[in-house]
Amino acid sequence: MSPGFGPKSYWDQRFASEEFVYGKQPNDFLRQQAAGLAAGQALCLAEGEGRNAVFLAELGHQVCAQDISPVGLRKAEALAQQKGVSITTLCCDLAALDLKPTSLDLIAAIWMHVEPELRARVFEQAVAALRPGGHLLIEAYHPQQLNFSSGGPTRRELLIEAAQLQQELATLEPLILQEIERTITEGSAHQGRSAVVQFFGRKP
């Protein structure tokens, strides 16, 4: 069983329909922040059906989409083909992630909800994988999301507060670090008012 928000079989089943359960459009926070970045080597963690990876490829990035589900990644490849861009995929559990140091310019983790110890290890590896001047972008559900029914895990320990991100990503310059409520419209799975934490940081 994957030490996160559902085992591999859960995600394979979730992505099995023709519907893109989180939609085909990129995450709003990613769209806003990526607009001003130079194209480079990018990685999308826990990327699912590929909407964010495809968006970054459309901006000119060389993108790898990582996910535990081969079903989701096949849909990511199909979406890239539909949009006329190319991405690579990496099918593995985050616990088996092995990133090359100083190899990436941008890492995006959108709705990456895993056990706290694993999350800290993934973020440590992500920071090491960034080149100087590279960026890490995160949007995740805040514990206050338990008061909403608009998406995300129902286990408190899988949700993230800004203070936790500040501690785990202390070596990055935080350009944005905030806890907000916003309305999310992402496919059928994420709909409505939501409590989130957003981080956009730069490696010195």
N, C-alpha and C. Protein backbone atom coordinates (compact mmCIF):
# COMPACT_ATOMS: atom_id res chain seq x y z
N MET A 1 0.84 -1.20 0.00
CA MET A 1 0.00 0.00 0.00
C MET A 1 0.87 1.24 0.00
N SER A 2 0.54 2.18 -0.82
CA SER A 2 1.28 3.43 -0.87
C SER A 2 1.05 4.22 0.42
N PRO A 3 2.12 4.79 1.00
CA PRO A 3 1.96 5.51 2.26
C PRO A 3 1.41 6.90 2.06
N GLY A 4 0.29 7.02 1.41
CA GLY A 4 -0.29 8.32 1.13
C GLY A 4 -1.80 8.24 0.98
N PHE A 5 -2.33 9.13 0.19
CA PHE A 5 -3.78 9.27 0.01
C PHE A 5 -4.27 8.19 -0.96
N GLY A 6 -4.36 6.96 -0.47
CA GLY A 6 -4.88 5.86 -1.28
C GLY A 6 -3.77 5.02 -1.88
N PRO A 7 -3.95 3.68 -1.94
CA PRO A 7 -2.97 2.80 -2.56
C PRO A 7 -3.03 2.91 -4.09
N LYS A 8 -2.06 2.27 -4.74
CA LYS A 8 -2.00 2.29 -6.20
C LYS A 8 -3.32 1.85 -6.81
N SER A 9 -3.92 0.80 -6.28
CA SER A 9 -5.18 0.30 -6.85
C SER A 9 -6.28 1.35 -6.79
N TYR A 10 -6.26 2.17 -5.74
CA TYR A 10 -7.25 3.25 -5.62
C TYR A 10 -7.11 4.22 -6.79
N TRP A 11 -5.87 4.62 -7.07
CA TRP A 11 -5.66 5.60 -8.13
C TRP A 11 -5.89 4.99 -9.51
N ASP A 12 -5.49 3.75 -9.71
CA ASP A 12 -5.76 3.09 -10.98
C ASP A 12 -7.27 3.08 -11.26
N GLN A 13 -8.04 2.75 -10.25
CA GLN A 13 -9.49 2.71 -10.42
C GLN A 13 -10.06 4.12 -10.63
N ARG A 14 -9.52 5.08 -9.90
CA ARG A 14 -10.02 6.46 -10.01
C ARG A 14 -9.78 7.03 -11.40
N PHE A 15 -8.67 6.65 -12.01
CA PHE A 15 -8.31 7.18 -13.33
C PHE A 15 -8.80 6.31 -14.48
N ALA A 16 -9.53 5.24 -14.19
CA ALA A 16 -9.87 4.26 -15.23
C ALA A 16 -10.90 4.76 -16.23
N SER A 17 -11.73 5.71 -15.86
CA SER A 17 -12.77 6.18 -16.77
C SER A 17 -12.17 7.11 -17.83
N GLU A 18 -12.92 7.36 -18.88
CA GLU A 18 -12.47 8.29 -19.90
C GLU A 18 -12.44 9.71 -19.38
N GLU A 19 -13.25 10.00 -18.39
CA GLU A 19 -13.28 11.34 -17.79
C GLU A 19 -11.93 11.66 -17.14
N PHE A 20 -11.50 12.90 -17.28
CA PHE A 20 -10.36 13.39 -16.53
C PHE A 20 -10.90 13.93 -15.21
N VAL A 21 -10.72 13.16 -14.14
CA VAL A 21 -11.45 13.46 -12.90
C VAL A 21 -11.04 14.79 -12.28
N TYR A 22 -9.83 15.27 -12.58
CA TYR A 22 -9.39 16.58 -12.11
C TYR A 22 -9.36 17.60 -13.24
N GLY A 23 -9.95 17.25 -14.37
CA GLY A 23 -10.01 18.16 -15.50
C GLY A 23 -8.75 18.13 -16.34
N LYS A 24 -8.78 18.89 -17.41
CA LYS A 24 -7.64 18.97 -18.33
C LYS A 24 -6.90 20.31 -18.22
N GLN A 25 -7.45 21.23 -17.44
CA GLN A 25 -6.83 22.54 -17.28
C GLN A 25 -5.87 22.52 -16.09
N PRO A 26 -4.80 23.31 -16.13
CA PRO A 26 -3.84 23.29 -15.03
C PRO A 26 -4.41 23.89 -13.75
N ASN A 27 -3.78 23.56 -12.68
CA ASN A 27 -4.07 24.16 -11.39
C ASN A 27 -3.90 25.69 -11.46
N ASP A 28 -4.80 26.43 -10.85
CA ASP A 28 -4.78 27.89 -10.93
C ASP A 28 -3.48 28.49 -10.39
N PHE A 29 -3.02 28.01 -9.25
CA PHE A 29 -1.81 28.56 -8.63
C PHE A 29 -0.60 28.32 -9.52
N LEU A 30 -0.52 27.13 -10.10
CA LEU A 30 0.57 26.85 -11.03
C LEU A 30 0.50 27.76 -12.24
N ARG A 31 -0.69 27.93 -12.77
CA ARG A 31 -0.86 28.79 -13.95
C ARG A 31 -0.37 30.21 -13.66
N GLN A 32 -0.74 30.72 -12.51
CA GLN A 32 -0.38 32.09 -12.15
C GLN A 32 1.13 32.27 -12.00
N GLN A 33 1.78 31.35 -11.32
CA GLN A 33 3.20 31.52 -11.01
C GLN A 33 4.12 31.10 -12.14
N ALA A 34 3.72 30.14 -12.96
CA ALA A 34 4.59 29.65 -14.02
C ALA A 34 4.71 30.63 -15.18
N ALA A 35 3.77 31.55 -15.27
CA ALA A 35 3.74 32.48 -16.40
C ALA A 35 5.03 33.28 -16.53
N GLY A 36 5.67 33.61 -15.43
CA GLY A 36 6.86 34.44 -15.48
C GLY A 36 8.18 33.69 -15.46
N LEU A 37 8.14 32.37 -15.55
CA LEU A 37 9.36 31.58 -15.45
C LEU A 37 9.95 31.26 -16.82
N ALA A 38 11.27 31.25 -16.89
CA ALA A 38 11.93 30.80 -18.12
C ALA A 38 11.75 29.29 -18.25
N ALA A 39 11.62 28.82 -19.48
CA ALA A 39 11.46 27.39 -19.72
C ALA A 39 12.72 26.64 -19.30
N GLY A 40 12.52 25.46 -18.73
CA GLY A 40 13.66 24.65 -18.30
C GLY A 40 13.23 23.21 -18.09
N GLN A 41 13.96 22.52 -17.23
CA GLN A 41 13.66 21.13 -16.88
C GLN A 41 12.68 21.13 -15.71
N ALA A 42 11.53 20.50 -15.91
CA ALA A 42 10.48 20.54 -14.89
C ALA A 42 10.03 19.13 -14.52
N LEU A 43 9.58 18.99 -13.27
CA LEU A 43 9.04 17.74 -12.77
C LEU A 43 7.74 18.02 -12.04
N CYS A 44 6.70 17.24 -12.34
CA CYS A 44 5.43 17.33 -11.64
C CYS A 44 5.26 16.06 -10.81
N LEU A 45 5.19 16.23 -9.49
CA LEU A 45 5.07 15.10 -8.58
C LEU A 45 3.60 14.76 -8.35
N ALA A 46 3.31 13.46 -8.20
CA ALA A 46 1.94 12.99 -7.98
C ALA A 46 1.00 13.61 -9.01
N GLU A 47 1.38 13.51 -10.27
CA GLU A 47 0.76 14.28 -11.34
C GLU A 47 -0.52 13.69 -11.90
N GLY A 48 -0.79 12.41 -11.62
CA GLY A 48 -2.08 11.86 -12.05
C GLY A 48 -2.25 11.84 -13.55
N GLU A 49 -3.27 12.56 -14.02
CA GLU A 49 -3.66 12.51 -15.44
C GLU A 49 -2.95 13.55 -16.31
N GLY A 50 -2.05 14.31 -15.73
CA GLY A 50 -1.12 15.07 -16.56
C GLY A 50 -1.44 16.51 -16.89
N ARG A 51 -2.50 17.06 -16.36
CA ARG A 51 -2.91 18.41 -16.79
C ARG A 51 -1.85 19.47 -16.53
N ASN A 52 -1.16 19.39 -15.39
CA ASN A 52 -0.14 20.39 -15.07
C ASN A 52 1.12 20.20 -15.90
N ALA A 53 1.51 18.95 -16.10
CA ALA A 53 2.69 18.66 -16.91
C ALA A 53 2.49 19.12 -18.34
N VAL A 54 1.32 18.86 -18.88
CA VAL A 54 1.03 19.27 -20.26
C VAL A 54 1.04 20.79 -20.37
N PHE A 55 0.47 21.46 -19.40
CA PHE A 55 0.49 22.93 -19.39
C PHE A 55 1.92 23.46 -19.41
N LEU A 56 2.79 22.90 -18.58
CA LEU A 56 4.18 23.37 -18.56
C LEU A 56 4.88 23.05 -19.88
N ALA A 57 4.56 21.92 -20.48
CA ALA A 57 5.14 21.60 -21.79
C ALA A 57 4.69 22.62 -22.84
N GLU A 58 3.45 23.06 -22.73
CA GLU A 58 2.96 24.08 -23.66
C GLU A 58 3.70 25.40 -23.50
N LEU A 59 4.25 25.64 -22.30
CA LEU A 59 5.04 26.86 -22.06
C LEU A 59 6.49 26.69 -22.50
N GLY A 60 6.85 25.49 -22.95
CA GLY A 60 8.19 25.26 -23.46
C GLY A 60 9.11 24.48 -22.54
N HIS A 61 8.63 24.07 -21.37
CA HIS A 61 9.45 23.28 -20.45
C HIS A 61 9.62 21.85 -20.96
N GLN A 62 10.72 21.25 -20.59
CA GLN A 62 10.92 19.81 -20.77
C GLN A 62 10.41 19.16 -19.49
N VAL A 63 9.32 18.41 -19.58
CA VAL A 63 8.58 18.02 -18.38
C VAL A 63 8.54 16.51 -18.19
N CYS A 64 8.74 16.10 -16.93
CA CYS A 64 8.51 14.72 -16.52
C CYS A 64 7.35 14.71 -15.55
N ALA A 65 6.39 13.82 -15.76
CA ALA A 65 5.25 13.65 -14.87
C ALA A 65 5.44 12.36 -14.08
N GLN A 66 5.49 12.47 -12.75
CA GLN A 66 5.63 11.30 -11.89
C GLN A 66 4.30 10.96 -11.25
N ASP A 67 3.97 9.68 -11.19
CA ASP A 67 2.79 9.25 -10.46
C ASP A 67 2.91 7.76 -10.18
N ILE A 68 2.15 7.29 -9.19
CA ILE A 68 2.14 5.87 -8.86
C ILE A 68 1.28 5.06 -9.82
N SER A 69 0.37 5.74 -10.54
CA SER A 69 -0.61 5.03 -11.36
C SER A 69 -0.24 5.03 -12.84
N PRO A 70 0.03 3.87 -13.43
CA PRO A 70 0.26 3.83 -14.88
C PRO A 70 -0.99 4.19 -15.66
N VAL A 71 -2.16 3.96 -15.08
CA VAL A 71 -3.41 4.33 -15.75
C VAL A 71 -3.49 5.85 -15.90
N GLY A 72 -3.18 6.57 -14.83
CA GLY A 72 -3.18 8.02 -14.91
C GLY A 72 -2.14 8.54 -15.89
N LEU A 73 -0.95 7.95 -15.87
CA LEU A 73 0.11 8.44 -16.74
C LEU A 73 -0.17 8.15 -18.21
N ARG A 74 -0.87 7.08 -18.52
CA ARG A 74 -1.27 6.85 -19.92
C ARG A 74 -2.22 7.96 -20.38
N LYS A 75 -3.10 8.41 -19.50
CA LYS A 75 -3.98 9.52 -19.84
C LYS A 75 -3.18 10.81 -19.99
N ALA A 76 -2.13 10.97 -19.18
CA ALA A 76 -1.26 12.14 -19.32
C ALA A 76 -0.59 12.16 -20.69
N GLU A 77 -0.11 11.02 -21.12
CA GLU A 77 0.53 10.94 -22.44
C GLU A 77 -0.48 11.22 -23.55
N ALA A 78 -1.69 10.72 -23.38
CA ALA A 78 -2.73 10.97 -24.39
C ALA A 78 -3.10 12.44 -24.44
N LEU A 79 -3.16 13.09 -23.27
CA LEU A 79 -3.48 14.52 -23.24
C LEU A 79 -2.38 15.33 -23.89
N ALA A 80 -1.13 14.96 -23.64
CA ALA A 80 -0.01 15.65 -24.28
C ALA A 80 -0.09 15.52 -25.80
N GLN A 81 -0.40 14.33 -26.28
CA GLN A 81 -0.53 14.12 -27.72
C GLN A 81 -1.67 14.96 -28.28
N GLN A 82 -2.77 15.00 -27.55
CA GLN A 82 -3.93 15.80 -27.98
C GLN A 82 -3.58 17.27 -28.08
N LYS A 83 -2.71 17.75 -27.17
CA LYS A 83 -2.33 19.17 -27.13
C LYS A 83 -1.13 19.48 -28.02
N GLY A 84 -0.55 18.44 -28.62
CA GLY A 84 0.57 18.65 -29.53
C GLY A 84 1.90 18.93 -28.86
N VAL A 85 2.08 18.40 -27.63
CA VAL A 85 3.34 18.57 -26.92
C VAL A 85 3.86 17.21 -26.48
N SER A 86 5.08 17.21 -25.96
CA SER A 86 5.71 15.97 -25.53
C SER A 86 6.06 16.06 -24.05
N ILE A 87 5.78 15.00 -23.30
CA ILE A 87 6.22 14.88 -21.92
C ILE A 87 6.82 13.50 -21.73
N THR A 88 7.60 13.33 -20.67
CA THR A 88 8.04 12.00 -20.26
C THR A 88 7.30 11.65 -18.97
N THR A 89 7.24 10.37 -18.67
CA THR A 89 6.54 9.93 -17.46
C THR A 89 7.44 9.05 -16.62
N LEU A 90 7.21 9.08 -15.31
CA LEU A 90 7.95 8.27 -14.36
C LEU A 90 6.93 7.61 -13.45
N CYS A 91 6.73 6.30 -13.60
CA CYS A 91 5.75 5.57 -12.81
C CYS A 91 6.46 4.93 -11.62
N CYS A 92 6.25 5.51 -10.45
CA CYS A 92 6.84 4.96 -9.23
C CYS A 92 6.12 5.53 -8.02
N ASP A 93 6.25 4.84 -6.91
CA ASP A 93 5.78 5.37 -5.64
C ASP A 93 6.73 6.49 -5.22
N LEU A 94 6.20 7.51 -4.56
CA LEU A 94 7.06 8.59 -4.08
C LEU A 94 8.13 8.07 -3.12
N ALA A 95 7.85 6.98 -2.43
CA ALA A 95 8.82 6.41 -1.52
C ALA A 95 10.05 5.88 -2.26
N ALA A 96 9.92 5.61 -3.56
CA ALA A 96 11.02 5.11 -4.37
C ALA A 96 11.64 6.20 -5.24
N LEU A 97 11.24 7.44 -5.03
CA LEU A 97 11.73 8.54 -5.85
C LEU A 97 13.24 8.69 -5.69
N ASP A 98 13.94 8.90 -6.79
CA ASP A 98 15.39 9.05 -6.77
C ASP A 98 15.77 10.13 -7.78
N LEU A 99 15.88 11.36 -7.30
CA LEU A 99 16.14 12.50 -8.18
C LEU A 99 17.62 12.84 -8.19
N LYS A 100 18.11 13.21 -9.35
CA LYS A 100 19.50 13.61 -9.50
C LYS A 100 19.68 15.02 -8.94
N PRO A 101 20.68 15.25 -8.11
CA PRO A 101 20.90 16.59 -7.57
C PRO A 101 21.16 17.63 -8.66
N THR A 102 20.70 18.83 -8.39
CA THR A 102 20.87 20.00 -9.27
C THR A 102 20.57 19.68 -10.74
N SER A 103 19.44 19.05 -10.97
CA SER A 103 19.08 18.64 -12.34
C SER A 103 17.82 19.31 -12.86
N LEU A 104 17.11 20.07 -12.01
CA LEU A 104 15.79 20.58 -12.37
C LEU A 104 15.68 22.07 -12.09
N ASP A 105 14.86 22.72 -12.91
CA ASP A 105 14.61 24.16 -12.75
C ASP A 105 13.28 24.45 -12.07
N LEU A 106 12.35 23.51 -12.14
CA LEU A 106 11.02 23.71 -11.57
C LEU A 106 10.47 22.36 -11.12
N ILE A 107 9.97 22.32 -9.90
CA ILE A 107 9.26 21.14 -9.40
C ILE A 107 7.91 21.61 -8.89
N ALA A 108 6.85 20.94 -9.33
CA ALA A 108 5.49 21.25 -8.90
C ALA A 108 4.91 20.06 -8.16
N ALA A 109 4.35 20.32 -6.99
CA ALA A 109 3.66 19.29 -6.21
C ALA A 109 2.26 19.81 -5.92
N ILE A 110 1.31 19.43 -6.74
CA ILE A 110 -0.08 19.87 -6.61
C ILE A 110 -0.90 18.74 -6.01
N TRP A 111 -1.45 18.98 -4.84
CA TRP A 111 -2.26 17.98 -4.13
C TRP A 111 -1.47 16.69 -3.87
N MET A 112 -0.23 16.82 -3.47
CA MET A 112 0.61 15.68 -3.11
C MET A 112 0.42 15.42 -1.62
N HIS A 113 -0.47 14.51 -1.27
CA HIS A 113 -0.79 14.26 0.13
C HIS A 113 -0.31 12.87 0.53
N VAL A 114 0.78 12.84 1.31
CA VAL A 114 1.36 11.59 1.78
C VAL A 114 1.67 11.73 3.27
N GLU A 115 2.09 10.63 3.87
CA GLU A 115 2.43 10.65 5.29
C GLU A 115 3.52 11.71 5.56
N PRO A 116 3.47 12.39 6.71
CA PRO A 116 4.41 13.49 6.97
C PRO A 116 5.88 13.13 6.81
N GLU A 117 6.29 11.95 7.28
CA GLU A 117 7.70 11.58 7.15
C GLU A 117 8.11 11.44 5.69
N LEU A 118 7.27 10.84 4.89
CA LEU A 118 7.56 10.70 3.47
C LEU A 118 7.56 12.07 2.79
N ARG A 119 6.59 12.91 3.14
CA ARG A 119 6.54 14.24 2.54
C ARG A 119 7.85 15.00 2.80
N ALA A 120 8.34 14.93 4.03
CA ALA A 120 9.58 15.63 4.36
C ALA A 120 10.75 15.08 3.55
N ARG A 121 10.78 13.75 3.35
CA ARG A 121 11.86 13.16 2.55
C ARG A 121 11.78 13.57 1.10
N VAL A 122 10.56 13.60 0.56
CA VAL A 122 10.37 14.01 -0.83
C VAL A 122 10.79 15.47 -1.01
N PHE A 123 10.39 16.32 -0.08
CA PHE A 123 10.75 17.73 -0.20
C PHE A 123 12.26 17.94 -0.06
N GLU A 124 12.89 17.17 0.83
CA GLU A 124 14.34 17.27 0.97
C GLU A 124 15.03 16.91 -0.35
N GLN A 125 14.54 15.85 -0.97
CA GLN A 125 15.11 15.43 -2.25
C GLN A 125 14.81 16.44 -3.35
N ALA A 126 13.60 17.01 -3.32
CA ALA A 126 13.23 18.01 -4.32
C ALA A 126 14.12 19.24 -4.23
N VAL A 127 14.38 19.71 -3.02
CA VAL A 127 15.24 20.88 -2.84
C VAL A 127 16.64 20.59 -3.39
N ALA A 128 17.16 19.40 -3.10
CA ALA A 128 18.49 19.03 -3.60
C ALA A 128 18.50 18.93 -5.12
N ALA A 129 17.37 18.54 -5.71
CA ALA A 129 17.30 18.35 -7.16
C ALA A 129 17.22 19.68 -7.92
N LEU A 130 16.85 20.75 -7.24
CA LEU A 130 16.75 22.05 -7.91
C LEU A 130 18.13 22.63 -8.18
N ARG A 131 18.26 23.24 -9.32
CA ARG A 131 19.45 24.03 -9.61
C ARG A 131 19.35 25.36 -8.88
N PRO A 132 20.47 26.04 -8.63
CA PRO A 132 20.39 27.38 -8.06
C PRO A 132 19.51 28.28 -8.94
N GLY A 133 18.59 28.98 -8.31
CA GLY A 133 17.62 29.78 -9.06
C GLY A 133 16.38 29.02 -9.44
N GLY A 134 16.34 27.72 -9.17
CA GLY A 134 15.16 26.92 -9.49
C GLY A 134 14.04 27.15 -8.50
N HIS A 135 12.85 26.71 -8.88
CA HIS A 135 11.65 26.99 -8.09
C HIS A 135 10.91 25.71 -7.70
N LEU A 136 10.32 25.73 -6.51
CA LEU A 136 9.43 24.68 -6.04
C LEU A 136 8.06 25.30 -5.80
N LEU A 137 7.04 24.68 -6.36
CA LEU A 137 5.68 25.19 -6.24
C LEU A 137 4.79 24.11 -5.64
N ILE A 138 4.04 24.48 -4.62
CA ILE A 138 3.20 23.52 -3.91
C ILE A 138 1.83 24.14 -3.67
N GLU A 139 0.79 23.38 -3.94
CA GLU A 139 -0.53 23.70 -3.39
C GLU A 139 -1.06 22.41 -2.78
N ALA A 140 -1.55 22.53 -1.55
CA ALA A 140 -2.06 21.37 -0.82
C ALA A 140 -3.23 21.80 0.04
N TYR A 141 -3.99 20.83 0.46
CA TYR A 141 -5.11 21.13 1.34
C TYR A 141 -4.63 21.34 2.78
N HIS A 142 -5.19 22.36 3.41
CA HIS A 142 -4.92 22.72 4.80
C HIS A 142 -5.85 21.91 5.70
N PRO A 143 -5.49 21.70 6.96
CA PRO A 143 -6.39 20.98 7.87
C PRO A 143 -7.81 21.53 7.94
N GLN A 144 -7.97 22.82 7.71
CA GLN A 144 -9.33 23.40 7.70
C GLN A 144 -10.19 22.83 6.57
N GLN A 145 -9.55 22.14 5.61
CA GLN A 145 -10.31 21.53 4.53
C GLN A 145 -11.27 20.46 5.05
N LEU A 146 -11.01 19.95 6.23
CA LEU A 146 -11.91 18.96 6.82
C LEU A 146 -13.29 19.55 7.07
N ASN A 147 -13.40 20.87 7.07
CA ASN A 147 -14.70 21.53 7.22
C ASN A 147 -15.45 21.66 5.90
N PHE A 148 -14.79 21.28 4.80
CA PHE A 148 -15.41 21.40 3.48
C PHE A 148 -15.57 20.01 2.86
N SER A 149 -16.38 19.93 1.83
CA SER A 149 -16.59 18.66 1.12
C SER A 149 -16.19 18.79 -0.35
N SER A 150 -15.19 19.62 -0.62
CA SER A 150 -14.83 19.95 -2.00
C SER A 150 -13.64 19.15 -2.52
N GLY A 151 -13.12 18.20 -1.74
CA GLY A 151 -12.01 17.37 -2.22
C GLY A 151 -10.96 17.17 -1.16
N GLY A 152 -9.99 16.31 -1.48
CA GLY A 152 -8.86 16.10 -0.60
C GLY A 152 -9.02 14.96 0.38
N PRO A 153 -7.93 14.63 1.09
CA PRO A 153 -7.95 13.54 2.06
C PRO A 153 -8.84 13.87 3.26
N THR A 154 -9.27 12.85 3.94
CA THR A 154 -10.08 13.04 5.14
C THR A 154 -9.27 12.74 6.41
N ARG A 155 -8.00 12.41 6.25
CA ARG A 155 -7.12 12.17 7.40
C ARG A 155 -6.32 13.43 7.71
N ARG A 156 -6.41 13.89 8.92
CA ARG A 156 -5.78 15.15 9.34
C ARG A 156 -4.28 15.16 9.09
N GLU A 157 -3.60 14.03 9.32
CA GLU A 157 -2.15 14.01 9.20
C GLU A 157 -1.65 14.15 7.76
N LEU A 158 -2.52 13.96 6.79
CA LEU A 158 -2.12 14.12 5.39
C LEU A 158 -2.27 15.56 4.90
N LEU A 159 -2.85 16.41 5.72
CA LEU A 159 -3.06 17.81 5.36
C LEU A 159 -1.89 18.65 5.88
N ILE A 160 -1.71 19.84 5.33
CA ILE A 160 -0.46 20.58 5.54
C ILE A 160 -0.75 22.01 5.97
N GLU A 161 0.02 22.49 6.94
CA GLU A 161 -0.04 23.89 7.37
C GLU A 161 1.19 24.64 6.86
N ALA A 162 1.07 25.95 6.76
CA ALA A 162 2.18 26.78 6.27
C ALA A 162 3.41 26.62 7.15
N ALA A 163 3.22 26.52 8.46
CA ALA A 163 4.36 26.40 9.36
C ALA A 163 5.16 25.13 9.08
N GLN A 164 4.48 24.06 8.70
CA GLN A 164 5.17 22.82 8.37
C GLN A 164 6.01 22.99 7.11
N LEU A 165 5.44 23.65 6.10
CA LEU A 165 6.19 23.88 4.87
C LEU A 165 7.39 24.80 5.13
N GLN A 166 7.17 25.80 5.94
CA GLN A 166 8.27 26.72 6.26
C GLN A 166 9.43 25.99 6.90
N GLN A 167 9.12 25.04 7.77
CA GLN A 167 10.15 24.28 8.44
C GLN A 167 10.83 23.30 7.48
N GLU A 168 10.04 22.60 6.68
CA GLU A 168 10.60 21.58 5.80
C GLU A 168 11.34 22.16 4.61
N LEU A 169 11.04 23.42 4.27
CA LEU A 169 11.65 24.05 3.10
C LEU A 169 12.45 25.29 3.49
N ALA A 170 13.09 25.21 4.66
CA ALA A 170 13.76 26.37 5.23
C ALA A 170 14.91 26.88 4.39
N THR A 171 15.48 26.03 3.54
CA THR A 171 16.64 26.47 2.74
C THR A 171 16.22 27.20 1.47
N LEU A 172 14.92 27.24 1.17
CA LEU A 172 14.44 27.96 0.01
C LEU A 172 13.98 29.36 0.40
N GLU A 173 14.08 30.29 -0.53
CA GLU A 173 13.54 31.63 -0.33
C GLU A 173 12.04 31.59 -0.62
N PRO A 174 11.19 31.84 0.38
CA PRO A 174 9.74 31.75 0.14
C PRO A 174 9.20 33.01 -0.53
N LEU A 175 8.93 32.93 -1.81
CA LEU A 175 8.34 34.05 -2.52
C LEU A 175 6.86 34.20 -2.18
N ILE A 176 6.20 33.06 -1.98
CA ILE A 176 4.80 33.03 -1.54
C ILE A 176 4.67 31.90 -0.53
N LEU A 177 4.08 32.19 0.61
CA LEU A 177 3.72 31.17 1.59
C LEU A 177 2.48 31.66 2.30
N GLN A 178 1.35 31.03 2.01
CA GLN A 178 0.09 31.54 2.56
C GLN A 178 -0.93 30.43 2.73
N GLU A 179 -1.81 30.66 3.70
CA GLU A 179 -2.98 29.82 3.92
C GLU A 179 -4.20 30.63 3.55
N ILE A 180 -4.99 30.13 2.60
CA ILE A 180 -6.14 30.89 2.11
C ILE A 180 -7.32 29.95 1.90
N GLU A 181 -8.48 30.55 1.77
CA GLU A 181 -9.65 29.85 1.26
C GLU A 181 -9.91 30.36 -0.14
N ARG A 182 -10.18 29.44 -1.06
CA ARG A 182 -10.48 29.82 -2.43
C ARG A 182 -11.43 28.80 -3.05
N THR A 183 -12.11 29.22 -4.10
CA THR A 183 -13.00 28.33 -4.82
C THR A 183 -12.20 27.59 -5.89
N ILE A 184 -12.27 26.28 -5.87
CA ILE A 184 -11.52 25.45 -6.81
C ILE A 184 -12.51 24.76 -7.76
N THR A 185 -12.17 24.80 -9.05
CA THR A 185 -12.95 24.11 -10.07
C THR A 185 -11.99 23.28 -10.91
N GLU A 186 -11.84 22.01 -10.55
CA GLU A 186 -10.92 21.11 -11.24
C GLU A 186 -11.63 19.78 -11.48
N GLY A 187 -12.20 19.64 -12.65
CA GLY A 187 -12.91 18.41 -12.98
C GLY A 187 -14.06 18.17 -12.02
N SER A 188 -14.43 16.89 -11.86
CA SER A 188 -15.53 16.55 -10.96
C SER A 188 -15.05 16.32 -9.53
N ALA A 189 -13.74 16.13 -9.33
CA ALA A 189 -13.23 15.73 -8.02
C ALA A 189 -12.97 16.91 -7.09
N HIS A 190 -12.64 18.06 -7.65
CA HIS A 190 -12.35 19.25 -6.84
C HIS A 190 -13.30 20.36 -7.25
N GLN A 191 -14.31 20.57 -6.45
CA GLN A 191 -15.33 21.57 -6.77
C GLN A 191 -15.77 22.29 -5.50
N GLY A 192 -15.54 23.61 -5.45
CA GLY A 192 -16.12 24.38 -4.37
C GLY A 192 -15.10 25.08 -3.49
N ARG A 193 -15.62 25.71 -2.45
CA ARG A 193 -14.79 26.45 -1.52
C ARG A 193 -13.84 25.50 -0.82
N SER A 194 -12.57 25.91 -0.70
CA SER A 194 -11.53 25.02 -0.19
C SER A 194 -10.53 25.79 0.66
N ALA A 195 -9.96 25.11 1.62
CA ALA A 195 -8.90 25.67 2.47
C ALA A 195 -7.57 25.07 2.03
N VAL A 196 -6.65 25.93 1.59
CA VAL A 196 -5.41 25.45 1.01
C VAL A 196 -4.21 26.19 1.59
N VAL A 197 -3.05 25.59 1.41
CA VAL A 197 -1.78 26.25 1.66
C VAL A 197 -1.03 26.29 0.33
N GLN A 198 -0.42 27.45 0.05
CA GLN A 198 0.33 27.65 -1.19
C GLN A 198 1.75 28.07 -0.87
N PHE A 199 2.68 27.45 -1.60
CA PHE A 199 4.10 27.78 -1.44
C PHE A 199 4.73 27.92 -2.82
N PHE A 200 5.50 28.99 -2.98
CA PHE A 200 6.30 29.18 -4.19
C PHE A 200 7.64 29.70 -3.74
N GLY A 201 8.66 28.85 -3.88
CA GLY A 201 9.97 29.20 -3.34
C GLY A 201 11.07 29.08 -4.38
N ARG A 202 12.16 29.77 -4.10
CA ARG A 202 13.31 29.82 -5.01
C ARG A 202 14.55 29.33 -4.27
N LYS A 203 15.36 28.52 -4.95
CA LYS A 203 16.61 28.04 -4.38
C LYS A 203 17.70 29.09 -4.60
N PRO A 204 18.33 29.54 -3.55
CA PRO A 204 19.38 30.57 -3.71
C PRO A 204 20.53 30.09 -4.60
